[in-house]
Amino acid sequence: MLATSPAFKENARRALADTGLQKALARSGPSFVARRTAAVAALPEFEQLREIGREIKNHTLANLDFYLEAYEARVLAAGGKVHWCADAEEARATVLRICQEAGARTVTKGKSMISEELGINEYLERNGIEPFETDLGEYILQLRHEAPSHIIAPAFHLNREDWEASFRKSHTELPAERVFHERRDILTEARARLRARFLAADVGITGANFLIAETGSSVIVTNEGNGDLTQTLPRVHIALASIEKVVPTLEDATSLLRLLARSATGQDFSVYTTFSTGGRRPGDLDGPEEYHVVLVDNGRSAMIGTEFQEMLRCIRCAACMNHCPVYGAVGGHAYGWVYPGPMGSVLTPSLIGVDKAGNLPNASTFCGKCESVCPVKIPLPGMMRHWREREFERHLMPSTMRRNIGLWAWFARRPSAYRLATRAAASLLGLMGRRRGRFASLPMAGGWTGGRDLPAPEGETFFARYARAQRERRL
């Protein structure tokens, strides 16, 4: 997927002016927040469970090599195969080779963000194999030739009328009288088209929410059941997963599953939670003849031992973006790569470089909501600050920003000068803005006044008020 993260500011401006996108964000965003709040309130031990989840992931990352090797041994014992891939190119080639050896002409796919990261669809198409997305949101995006805008609700940015228009454009034989007033109508149309794809596919590709070292199982969660059909009907099942998805035991996986659905969609559990261990065994009624796990590094191991290691705890619930005011204003496509929102603002620079994604850790209000709702307590704002530091150290910031930060730092290291300067600036701006109470434009504040007025200061500075309050308290 082509990264447009360097154009985040331009992307964001277009998103803010997109009435359809703004309608979709206003409609869907609050529902995620409300459902999570209700689900958490109904589980008294949720905070304790968050701590358990954090410790499970920390322990796993500290012993990642051991658990990956243990997982591989269990997969092999169950008759499956594990393919170790250092980067995206190797992973794509591995998937293609498995498909070609199976004589595949068509492939069905469950929703998988790692497949988006690797560009699997485009790669298979270039090599004569036709992939079909089976997740409802991913299916409509494939018809529209668009990327997902959300990691659990890929078509988050679309409205019902967008779905209908896309179906009528792509499904050319649709009768004019066919209506799409309800979600059921959309689902029925997609299901009718996909049924034949499920039955004809030679290979099924899914992601994996977790990989269990104890059993050699891969776990997927869905609300549509398409993942089950994708991995049981074709002769070959490929589970694509990045290396940090491994967890030690079945009990660890179930603990994290209790966090996942509640944080993502506000459900106690997703409708379908499926464990796959190897291929079809004698006596099994269904299942693939071959079971392959493609384990992908693609930059993850380089994060181990750095200040960004905690990002690898992420279980892809999307709670951070569901609660983020920036994502809620501009949507996912503005972030310009696979992973949007606060988690993308940390992970994307790690995977494609801060030189390409430096705008993302700067696209934050630092309100801290993302960290407060993260089910495994990832300190996202702190890591965004680390990326800002890296960006500054490498002189990647615009010169004007570096100059202004340098000026601020000079004053910040000299408290007396800082207090004097802030008092003088507040007094001057207060006098200048006394008549209107605000500024429509101001030198060196164009980034702010370009979209909103700047309130004129009133009264004393914070430092002066705080000092006065302390004196009064002592009296």
Protein backbone atom coordinates (compact mmCIF):
# COMPACT_ATOMS: atom_id res chain seq x y z
CA MET A 1 0.00 0.00 0.00
CA LEU A 2 1.43 3.36 -1.04
CA ALA A 3 2.16 5.53 1.99
CA THR A 4 0.70 9.04 1.81
CA SER A 5 1.54 9.79 5.45
CA PRO A 6 3.87 12.67 4.48
CA ALA A 7 0.76 14.41 3.11
CA PHE A 8 -1.18 14.07 6.37
CA LYS A 9 -1.98 17.78 6.60
CA GLU A 10 -3.37 17.88 3.07
CA ASN A 11 -5.23 14.60 3.66
CA ALA A 12 -6.74 16.02 6.85
CA ARG A 13 -7.91 19.19 5.12
CA ARG A 14 -9.68 17.14 2.46
CA ALA A 15 -11.24 14.94 5.13
CA LEU A 16 -12.59 17.91 7.06
CA ALA A 17 -14.23 19.21 3.87
CA ASP A 18 -15.73 15.82 2.91
CA THR A 19 -19.40 16.00 3.91
CA GLY A 20 -19.99 12.29 3.37
CA LEU A 21 -17.06 11.34 5.58
CA GLN A 22 -18.12 13.77 8.27
CA LYS A 23 -21.62 12.29 8.23
CA ALA A 24 -20.22 8.77 8.64
CA LEU A 25 -17.88 9.80 11.47
CA ALA A 26 -20.67 11.59 13.34
CA ARG A 27 -22.99 8.60 12.96
CA SER A 28 -20.70 5.73 13.82
CA GLY A 29 -18.04 7.12 16.14
CA PRO A 30 -20.07 7.67 19.33
CA SER A 31 -21.63 4.21 19.20
CA PHE A 32 -18.26 2.47 19.65
CA VAL A 33 -17.54 4.60 22.71
CA ALA A 34 -20.95 4.02 24.28
CA ARG A 35 -20.85 0.25 23.76
CA ARG A 36 -17.37 -0.07 25.23
CA THR A 37 -18.37 2.02 28.26
CA ALA A 38 -21.37 -0.22 28.91
CA ALA A 39 -19.36 -3.43 28.48
CA VAL A 40 -16.62 -2.28 30.86
CA ALA A 41 -19.15 -1.18 33.47
CA ALA A 42 -20.72 -4.65 33.38
CA LEU A 43 -17.41 -6.37 34.20
CA PRO A 44 -16.17 -5.36 37.69
CA GLU A 45 -12.78 -7.01 37.20
CA PHE A 46 -12.03 -5.22 33.91
CA GLU A 47 -9.17 -3.11 35.32
CA GLN A 48 -7.62 -6.19 36.91
CA LEU A 49 -7.99 -7.98 33.57
CA ARG A 50 -6.17 -5.11 31.83
CA GLU A 51 -3.23 -5.58 34.16
CA ILE A 52 -3.26 -9.33 33.48
CA GLY A 53 -3.30 -8.66 29.72
CA ARG A 54 -0.38 -6.23 30.01
CA GLU A 55 1.68 -8.77 31.95
CA ILE A 56 0.89 -11.60 29.51
CA LYS A 57 2.13 -9.53 26.59
CA ASN A 58 5.18 -8.21 28.46
CA HIS A 59 6.20 -11.73 29.48
CA THR A 60 5.73 -12.99 25.93
CA LEU A 61 7.79 -10.19 24.39
CA ALA A 62 10.57 -10.78 26.92
CA ASN A 63 10.70 -14.44 25.80
CA LEU A 64 9.50 -14.06 22.22
CA ASP A 65 12.08 -16.35 20.64
CA PHE A 66 11.21 -19.19 23.01
CA TYR A 67 7.46 -18.97 22.45
CA LEU A 68 7.78 -18.67 18.67
CA GLU A 69 9.89 -21.81 18.54
CA ALA A 70 7.46 -23.61 20.85
CA TYR A 71 4.58 -22.52 18.62
CA GLU A 72 6.33 -23.80 15.51
CA ALA A 73 6.97 -27.19 17.14
CA ARG A 74 3.27 -27.57 17.99
CA VAL A 75 2.16 -26.57 14.50
CA LEU A 76 4.49 -29.15 12.96
CA ALA A 77 3.26 -31.81 15.38
CA ALA A 78 -0.30 -31.08 14.24
CA GLY A 79 0.67 -31.55 10.61
CA GLY A 80 0.97 -27.90 9.65
CA LYS A 81 3.84 -25.88 8.21
CA VAL A 82 5.41 -22.65 9.45
CA HIS A 83 7.10 -20.18 7.09
CA TRP A 84 9.42 -17.56 8.65
CA CYS A 85 9.48 -14.28 6.70
CA ALA A 86 11.83 -11.43 7.52
CA ASP A 87 10.07 -8.77 5.45
CA ALA A 88 7.10 -8.01 3.23
CA GLU A 89 8.78 -9.18 0.04
CA GLU A 90 9.57 -12.58 1.50
CA ALA A 91 6.07 -12.94 2.94
CA ARG A 92 4.40 -12.10 -0.39
CA ALA A 93 6.62 -14.56 -2.23
CA THR A 94 5.82 -17.27 0.31
CA VAL A 95 2.06 -16.79 -0.01
CA LEU A 96 2.34 -16.83 -3.81
CA ARG A 97 4.42 -20.01 -3.76
CA ILE A 98 1.86 -21.82 -1.56
CA CYS A 99 -0.95 -20.72 -3.87
CA GLN A 100 0.92 -21.79 -7.00
CA GLU A 101 1.80 -25.17 -5.53
CA ALA A 102 -1.89 -25.66 -4.78
CA GLY A 103 -2.76 -24.73 -8.37
CA ALA A 104 -4.90 -21.87 -7.10
CA ARG A 105 -6.76 -19.60 -9.46
CA THR A 106 -8.95 -17.92 -6.84
CA VAL A 107 -8.36 -17.14 -3.17
CA THR A 108 -10.85 -16.11 -0.49
CA LYS A 109 -9.65 -13.82 2.30
CA GLY A 110 -10.81 -13.02 5.79
CA LYS A 111 -10.17 -9.53 7.14
CA SER A 112 -6.46 -9.16 7.85
CA MET A 113 -4.54 -5.97 8.52
CA ILE A 114 -1.22 -7.74 8.02
CA SER A 115 -2.33 -8.66 4.50
CA GLU A 116 -2.98 -4.95 3.90
CA GLU A 117 0.48 -4.14 5.25
CA LEU A 118 2.02 -6.69 2.87
CA GLY A 119 -0.11 -5.74 -0.16
CA ILE A 120 -1.14 -9.36 -0.71
CA ASN A 121 -4.14 -8.68 -2.95
CA GLU A 122 -2.26 -6.60 -5.48
CA TYR A 123 0.64 -9.04 -5.51
CA LEU A 124 -1.58 -12.06 -6.17
CA GLU A 125 -3.46 -10.22 -8.92
CA ARG A 126 -0.19 -9.33 -10.66
CA ASN A 127 0.67 -13.02 -10.63
CA GLY A 128 -2.58 -14.30 -12.11
CA ILE A 129 -4.44 -15.27 -8.92
CA GLU A 130 -7.74 -13.56 -8.10
CA PRO A 131 -8.33 -12.74 -4.41
CA PHE A 132 -11.83 -12.13 -3.03
CA GLU A 133 -12.42 -10.32 0.23
CA THR A 134 -15.20 -11.97 2.25
CA ASP A 135 -15.57 -9.58 5.19
CA LEU A 136 -18.55 -7.37 4.38
CA GLY A 137 -16.64 -4.12 4.81
CA GLU A 138 -13.58 -5.37 2.97
CA TYR A 139 -15.79 -6.67 0.15
CA ILE A 140 -17.30 -3.25 -0.55
CA LEU A 141 -13.86 -1.63 -0.37
CA GLN A 142 -12.54 -4.11 -2.91
CA LEU A 143 -15.39 -3.12 -5.25
CA ARG A 144 -14.51 0.54 -4.70
CA HIS A 145 -10.71 -0.01 -4.93
CA GLU A 146 -10.23 1.65 -1.55
CA ALA A 147 -8.14 0.84 1.51
CA PRO A 148 -9.65 0.26 4.96
CA SER A 149 -10.08 3.34 7.13
CA HIS A 150 -10.38 1.48 10.45
CA ILE A 151 -8.79 -1.71 11.71
CA ILE A 152 -11.99 -3.45 12.85
CA ALA A 153 -14.61 -1.59 10.78
CA PRO A 154 -12.84 -1.18 7.42
CA ALA A 155 -15.71 0.69 5.73
CA PHE A 156 -16.17 3.04 8.69
CA HIS A 157 -16.01 6.04 6.34
CA LEU A 158 -18.97 5.00 4.16
CA ASN A 159 -22.70 5.66 4.40
CA ARG A 160 -25.56 3.41 3.30
CA GLU A 161 -25.98 5.33 0.06
CA ASP A 162 -22.29 4.71 -0.75
CA TRP A 163 -22.86 0.97 -0.42
CA GLU A 164 -25.91 1.07 -2.67
CA ALA A 165 -24.12 3.14 -5.33
CA SER A 166 -21.17 0.74 -5.30
CA PHE A 167 -23.38 -2.33 -5.63
CA ARG A 168 -25.29 -0.81 -8.53
CA LYS A 169 -22.06 0.12 -10.29
CA SER A 170 -20.39 -3.28 -9.81
CA HIS A 171 -23.39 -5.61 -9.82
CA THR A 172 -24.64 -4.40 -13.18
CA GLU A 173 -27.56 -6.85 -13.41
CA LEU A 174 -29.23 -5.52 -10.24
CA PRO A 175 -32.90 -4.66 -10.93
CA ALA A 176 -33.74 -0.98 -10.54
CA GLU A 177 -36.47 -1.77 -8.01
CA ARG A 178 -34.03 -3.45 -5.64
CA VAL A 179 -33.78 -1.39 -2.42
CA PHE A 180 -31.09 -1.15 0.26
CA HIS A 181 -32.95 0.48 3.10
CA GLU A 182 -31.66 -1.82 5.82
CA ARG A 183 -28.33 -3.40 6.71
CA ARG A 184 -30.00 -6.74 6.01
CA ASP A 185 -30.44 -5.74 2.36
CA ILE A 186 -26.72 -5.01 2.03
CA LEU A 187 -25.78 -8.25 3.74
CA THR A 188 -28.13 -10.31 1.55
CA GLU A 189 -26.68 -8.86 -1.66
CA ALA A 190 -23.07 -9.47 -0.58
CA ARG A 191 -23.83 -12.98 0.70
CA ALA A 192 -25.44 -13.99 -2.61
CA ARG A 193 -22.31 -12.88 -4.48
CA LEU A 194 -19.81 -14.44 -2.10
CA ARG A 195 -21.38 -17.88 -1.72
CA ALA A 196 -20.03 -19.07 -5.05
CA ARG A 197 -16.60 -17.59 -4.23
CA PHE A 198 -16.39 -19.60 -1.01
CA LEU A 199 -17.21 -22.83 -2.83
CA ALA A 200 -14.82 -22.24 -5.73
CA ALA A 201 -11.76 -21.01 -3.83
CA ASP A 202 -8.63 -23.15 -3.92
CA VAL A 203 -6.92 -21.34 -1.01
CA GLY A 204 -8.25 -19.42 1.99
CA ILE A 205 -6.19 -16.70 3.67
CA THR A 206 -6.96 -15.37 7.14
CA GLY A 207 -5.15 -13.27 9.67
CA ALA A 208 -4.75 -14.34 13.29
CA ASN A 209 -5.71 -12.46 16.41
CA PHE A 210 -3.57 -14.79 18.51
CA LEU A 211 -1.17 -17.70 18.03
CA ILE A 212 -1.04 -20.13 20.97
CA ALA A 213 2.39 -21.63 21.69
CA GLU A 214 0.94 -24.32 23.97
CA THR A 215 -1.30 -25.85 21.27
CA GLY A 216 -0.03 -24.57 17.92
CA SER A 217 -3.44 -22.99 17.28
CA SER A 218 -4.31 -19.79 15.43
CA VAL A 219 -7.31 -17.81 16.67
CA ILE A 220 -9.57 -15.51 14.65
CA VAL A 221 -12.56 -13.49 15.86
CA THR A 222 -15.30 -12.27 13.52
CA ASN A 223 -18.94 -11.24 13.67
CA GLU A 224 -19.89 -12.58 10.24
CA GLY A 225 -18.61 -16.15 10.07
CA ASN A 226 -16.75 -15.47 6.85
CA GLY A 227 -13.48 -16.37 8.53
CA ASP A 228 -14.72 -19.89 9.27
CA LEU A 229 -15.78 -20.44 5.66
CA THR A 230 -12.49 -19.02 4.42
CA GLN A 231 -10.37 -21.43 6.43
CA THR A 232 -12.48 -24.61 6.28
CA LEU A 233 -13.85 -24.83 2.72
CA PRO A 234 -10.69 -24.47 0.55
CA ARG A 235 -8.11 -27.24 0.31
CA VAL A 236 -5.41 -24.98 1.71
CA HIS A 237 -5.56 -22.55 4.63
CA ILE A 238 -2.90 -19.85 5.05
CA ALA A 239 -2.82 -18.01 8.39
CA LEU A 240 -0.91 -14.73 8.04
CA ALA A 241 0.39 -13.33 11.32
CA SER A 242 3.05 -10.99 12.63
CA ILE A 243 5.42 -12.43 15.20
CA GLU A 244 4.04 -10.53 18.22
CA LYS A 245 0.67 -12.32 17.94
CA VAL A 246 2.00 -15.35 19.84
CA VAL A 247 0.87 -15.94 23.45
CA PRO A 248 2.08 -18.72 25.75
CA THR A 249 -1.04 -20.69 26.71
CA LEU A 250 -4.69 -21.27 25.94
CA GLU A 251 -5.57 -19.59 29.25
CA ASP A 252 -3.59 -16.50 28.22
CA ALA A 253 -5.46 -16.35 24.92
CA THR A 254 -8.86 -16.54 26.63
CA SER A 255 -7.86 -13.78 29.07
CA LEU A 256 -6.97 -11.52 26.15
CA LEU A 257 -10.15 -12.49 24.31
CA ARG A 258 -12.16 -11.21 27.29
CA LEU A 259 -10.47 -7.84 26.77
CA LEU A 260 -10.61 -7.78 22.97
CA ALA A 261 -14.31 -7.77 22.12
CA ARG A 262 -15.27 -5.52 25.05
CA SER A 263 -12.68 -2.95 23.98
CA ALA A 264 -13.44 -3.22 20.27
CA THR A 265 -17.20 -3.51 19.82
CA GLY A 266 -18.58 -3.60 23.36
CA GLN A 267 -19.47 -7.29 23.09
CA ASP A 268 -18.68 -9.83 25.79
CA PHE A 269 -17.33 -12.03 22.99
CA SER A 270 -17.39 -11.78 19.22
CA VAL A 271 -20.07 -13.88 17.51
CA TYR A 272 -17.44 -16.25 16.10
CA THR A 273 -14.21 -17.11 17.93
CA THR A 274 -12.44 -19.87 16.02
CA PHE A 275 -9.38 -21.93 16.99
CA SER A 276 -7.56 -23.75 14.17
CA THR A 277 -4.91 -26.39 14.82
CA GLY A 278 -3.40 -28.07 11.78
CA GLY A 279 -5.20 -29.45 8.75
CA ARG A 280 -7.99 -31.99 8.47
CA ARG A 281 -7.40 -35.18 10.42
CA PRO A 282 -8.87 -38.63 9.69
CA GLY A 283 -12.49 -38.55 10.80
CA ASP A 284 -12.86 -34.75 10.58
CA LEU A 285 -15.98 -33.69 8.69
CA ASP A 286 -14.39 -30.55 7.25
CA GLY A 287 -11.23 -28.50 7.25
CA PRO A 288 -8.33 -27.84 4.88
CA GLU A 289 -5.99 -30.53 3.63
CA GLU A 290 -3.02 -28.20 4.21
CA TYR A 291 -2.45 -25.68 7.01
CA HIS A 292 0.26 -23.05 6.60
CA VAL A 293 1.28 -20.29 9.01
CA VAL A 294 3.22 -17.40 7.47
CA LEU A 295 5.04 -15.65 10.34
CA VAL A 296 6.04 -12.10 9.43
CA ASP A 297 8.61 -9.88 11.13
CA ASN A 298 8.69 -6.84 8.80
CA GLY A 299 10.28 -4.52 11.36
CA ARG A 300 8.85 -5.91 14.61
CA SER A 301 12.06 -7.45 15.95
CA ALA A 302 13.81 -4.08 15.51
CA MET A 303 11.34 -2.63 18.04
CA ILE A 304 12.35 -5.13 20.73
CA GLY A 305 14.51 -3.51 23.39
CA THR A 306 13.63 0.05 22.29
CA GLU A 307 11.29 2.63 23.77
CA PHE A 308 8.70 1.38 21.23
CA GLN A 309 8.63 -2.26 22.36
CA GLU A 310 5.40 -1.71 24.31
CA MET A 311 3.61 -1.03 21.03
CA LEU A 312 3.96 -4.75 20.32
CA ARG A 313 1.45 -5.43 23.11
CA CYS A 314 -1.31 -4.13 20.81
CA ILE A 315 -4.21 -6.60 20.30
CA ARG A 316 -5.78 -4.54 17.47
CA CYS A 317 -9.04 -3.64 19.25
CA ALA A 318 -9.16 -0.05 17.85
CA ALA A 319 -10.28 1.41 21.18
CA CYS A 320 -7.58 4.10 20.87
CA MET A 321 -8.87 5.38 17.53
CA ASN A 322 -12.51 5.06 18.59
CA HIS A 323 -11.80 7.53 21.42
CA CYS A 324 -9.32 9.79 19.59
CA PRO A 325 -10.54 13.34 18.82
CA VAL A 326 -8.15 13.60 15.86
CA TYR A 327 -9.28 10.33 14.26
CA GLY A 328 -12.88 11.32 15.01
CA ALA A 329 -12.40 14.52 12.99
CA VAL A 330 -10.47 13.24 9.95
CA GLY A 331 -11.05 9.46 9.78
CA GLY A 332 -8.53 6.79 8.92
CA HIS A 333 -7.49 7.54 5.35
CA ALA A 334 -5.87 10.83 6.37
CA TYR A 335 -3.15 8.86 8.19
CA GLY A 336 -1.97 7.64 4.82
CA TRP A 337 -1.03 4.04 5.51
CA VAL A 338 -2.41 0.79 6.90
CA TYR A 339 -2.71 1.69 10.59
CA PRO A 340 -4.60 4.86 11.55
CA GLY A 341 -5.29 6.59 14.85
CA PRO A 342 -2.99 6.71 17.89
CA MET A 343 -1.71 3.14 17.43
CA GLY A 344 -0.84 3.97 13.83
CA SER A 345 0.90 7.16 14.93
CA VAL A 346 3.34 4.97 16.87
CA LEU A 347 3.47 1.82 14.75
CA THR A 348 3.67 3.40 11.29
CA PRO A 349 6.93 5.33 11.92
CA SER A 350 8.38 2.09 13.31
CA LEU A 351 7.54 0.17 10.14
CA ILE A 352 8.04 2.68 7.32
CA GLY A 353 10.29 5.27 9.00
CA VAL A 354 9.76 8.52 10.84
CA ASP A 355 11.00 10.37 7.76
CA LYS A 356 7.83 9.23 5.94
CA ALA A 357 5.44 9.23 8.91
CA GLY A 358 6.69 12.06 11.11
CA ASN A 359 3.42 13.95 10.76
CA LEU A 360 1.49 11.20 12.54
CA PRO A 361 2.94 11.44 16.09
CA ASN A 362 2.42 15.20 15.77
CA ALA A 363 -1.28 14.68 14.96
CA SER A 364 -2.28 14.33 18.60
CA THR A 365 -3.88 16.52 21.24
CA PHE A 366 -2.13 14.41 23.93
CA CYS A 367 -5.44 14.20 25.77
CA GLY A 368 -4.38 10.74 26.97
CA LYS A 369 -7.69 9.06 26.23
CA CYS A 370 -6.01 6.44 24.02
CA GLU A 371 -3.83 5.23 26.88
CA SER A 372 -6.70 5.28 29.36
CA VAL A 373 -8.86 2.94 27.23
CA CYS A 374 -6.11 0.65 25.87
CA PRO A 375 -6.89 -2.87 27.15
CA VAL A 376 -3.18 -3.68 27.58
CA LYS A 377 -2.15 -0.23 28.86
CA ILE A 378 0.13 0.86 26.02
CA PRO A 379 1.53 4.35 26.82
CA LEU A 380 0.73 5.74 23.38
CA PRO A 381 1.20 9.47 24.15
CA GLY A 382 4.62 8.80 25.65
CA MET A 383 5.74 6.91 22.56
CA MET A 384 4.44 9.65 20.29
CA ARG A 385 6.63 12.05 22.28
CA HIS A 386 9.59 9.72 21.67
CA TRP A 387 8.94 9.88 17.93
CA ARG A 388 8.79 13.67 18.10
CA GLU A 389 12.17 13.61 19.81
CA ARG A 390 13.58 11.34 17.10
CA GLU A 391 12.19 13.63 14.45
CA PHE A 392 13.79 16.65 16.11
CA GLU A 393 17.15 14.89 16.54
CA ARG A 394 17.24 13.96 12.86
CA HIS A 395 16.38 17.52 11.76
CA LEU A 396 13.22 16.28 10.01
CA MET A 397 11.00 19.05 11.38
CA PRO A 398 10.47 22.23 9.32
CA SER A 399 13.09 24.85 10.12
CA THR A 400 10.51 27.30 11.44
CA MET A 401 9.23 24.71 13.91
CA ARG A 402 12.75 23.85 15.04
CA ARG A 403 13.54 27.55 15.45
CA ASN A 404 10.41 28.20 17.51
CA ILE A 405 10.96 25.11 19.68
CA GLY A 406 14.55 26.25 20.23
CA LEU A 407 13.31 29.69 21.28
CA TRP A 408 10.79 28.19 23.66
CA ALA A 409 13.46 25.86 25.10
CA TRP A 410 15.77 28.83 25.76
CA PHE A 411 13.07 30.50 27.85
CA ALA A 412 11.96 27.25 29.49
CA ARG A 413 15.47 26.75 30.87
CA ARG A 414 15.39 30.25 32.38
CA PRO A 415 12.29 30.49 34.64
CA SER A 416 12.67 34.16 35.44
CA ALA A 417 12.93 35.12 31.77
CA TYR A 418 10.02 32.80 30.96
CA ARG A 419 7.74 34.43 33.54
CA LEU A 420 8.75 37.90 32.43
CA ALA A 421 8.16 37.10 28.74
CA THR A 422 4.78 35.44 29.33
CA ARG A 423 3.58 38.35 31.49
CA ALA A 424 4.64 40.85 28.82
CA ALA A 425 3.05 38.83 25.98
CA ALA A 426 -0.20 38.29 27.90
CA SER A 427 -0.47 41.96 28.80
CA LEU A 428 0.23 43.13 25.25
CA LEU A 429 -2.18 40.66 23.63
CA GLY A 430 -4.80 41.46 26.26
CA LEU A 431 -4.62 45.16 25.37
CA MET A 432 -4.66 44.49 21.63
CA GLY A 433 -7.64 42.15 21.84
CA ARG A 434 -9.64 43.92 24.50
CA ARG A 435 -12.23 45.34 22.10
CA ARG A 436 -13.17 42.08 20.30
CA GLY A 437 -11.94 39.57 22.82
CA ARG A 438 -10.31 37.47 20.12
CA PHE A 439 -7.93 37.53 17.16
CA ALA A 440 -8.94 36.42 13.65
CA SER A 441 -5.28 36.46 12.61
CA LEU A 442 -1.97 36.89 14.37
CA PRO A 443 1.68 36.71 13.28
CA MET A 444 3.28 33.29 13.98
CA ALA A 445 -0.15 31.85 14.90
CA GLY A 446 -1.49 31.16 11.42
CA GLY A 447 -1.72 27.43 12.09
CA TRP A 448 -4.28 28.20 14.78
CA THR A 449 -6.13 31.19 13.33
CA GLY A 450 -6.44 29.54 9.93
CA GLY A 451 -9.28 27.43 11.33
CA ARG A 452 -10.44 29.26 14.46
CA ASP A 453 -10.13 32.51 16.38
CA LEU A 454 -7.52 32.90 19.10
CA PRO A 455 -9.04 34.16 22.39
CA ALA A 456 -7.40 37.29 23.78
CA PRO A 457 -5.72 36.73 27.18
CA GLU A 458 -7.63 38.02 30.21
CA GLY A 459 -6.17 38.67 33.63
CA GLU A 460 -2.92 37.31 35.01
CA THR A 461 -0.78 34.44 33.75
CA PHE A 462 -1.12 30.92 35.13
CA PHE A 463 2.18 31.20 37.02
CA ALA A 464 1.09 34.44 38.68
CA ARG A 465 -2.30 33.05 39.60
CA TYR A 466 -0.79 29.84 40.98
CA ALA A 467 1.73 31.79 43.09
CA ARG A 468 -1.07 33.98 44.44
CA ALA A 469 -3.20 30.97 45.30
CA GLN A 470 -0.29 29.38 47.16
CA ARG A 471 0.27 32.57 49.18
CA GLU A 472 -3.41 32.80 50.06
CA ARG A 473 -3.44 29.15 51.12
CA ARG A 474 -0.53 29.75 53.51
CA LEU A 475 -2.38 32.69 55.05
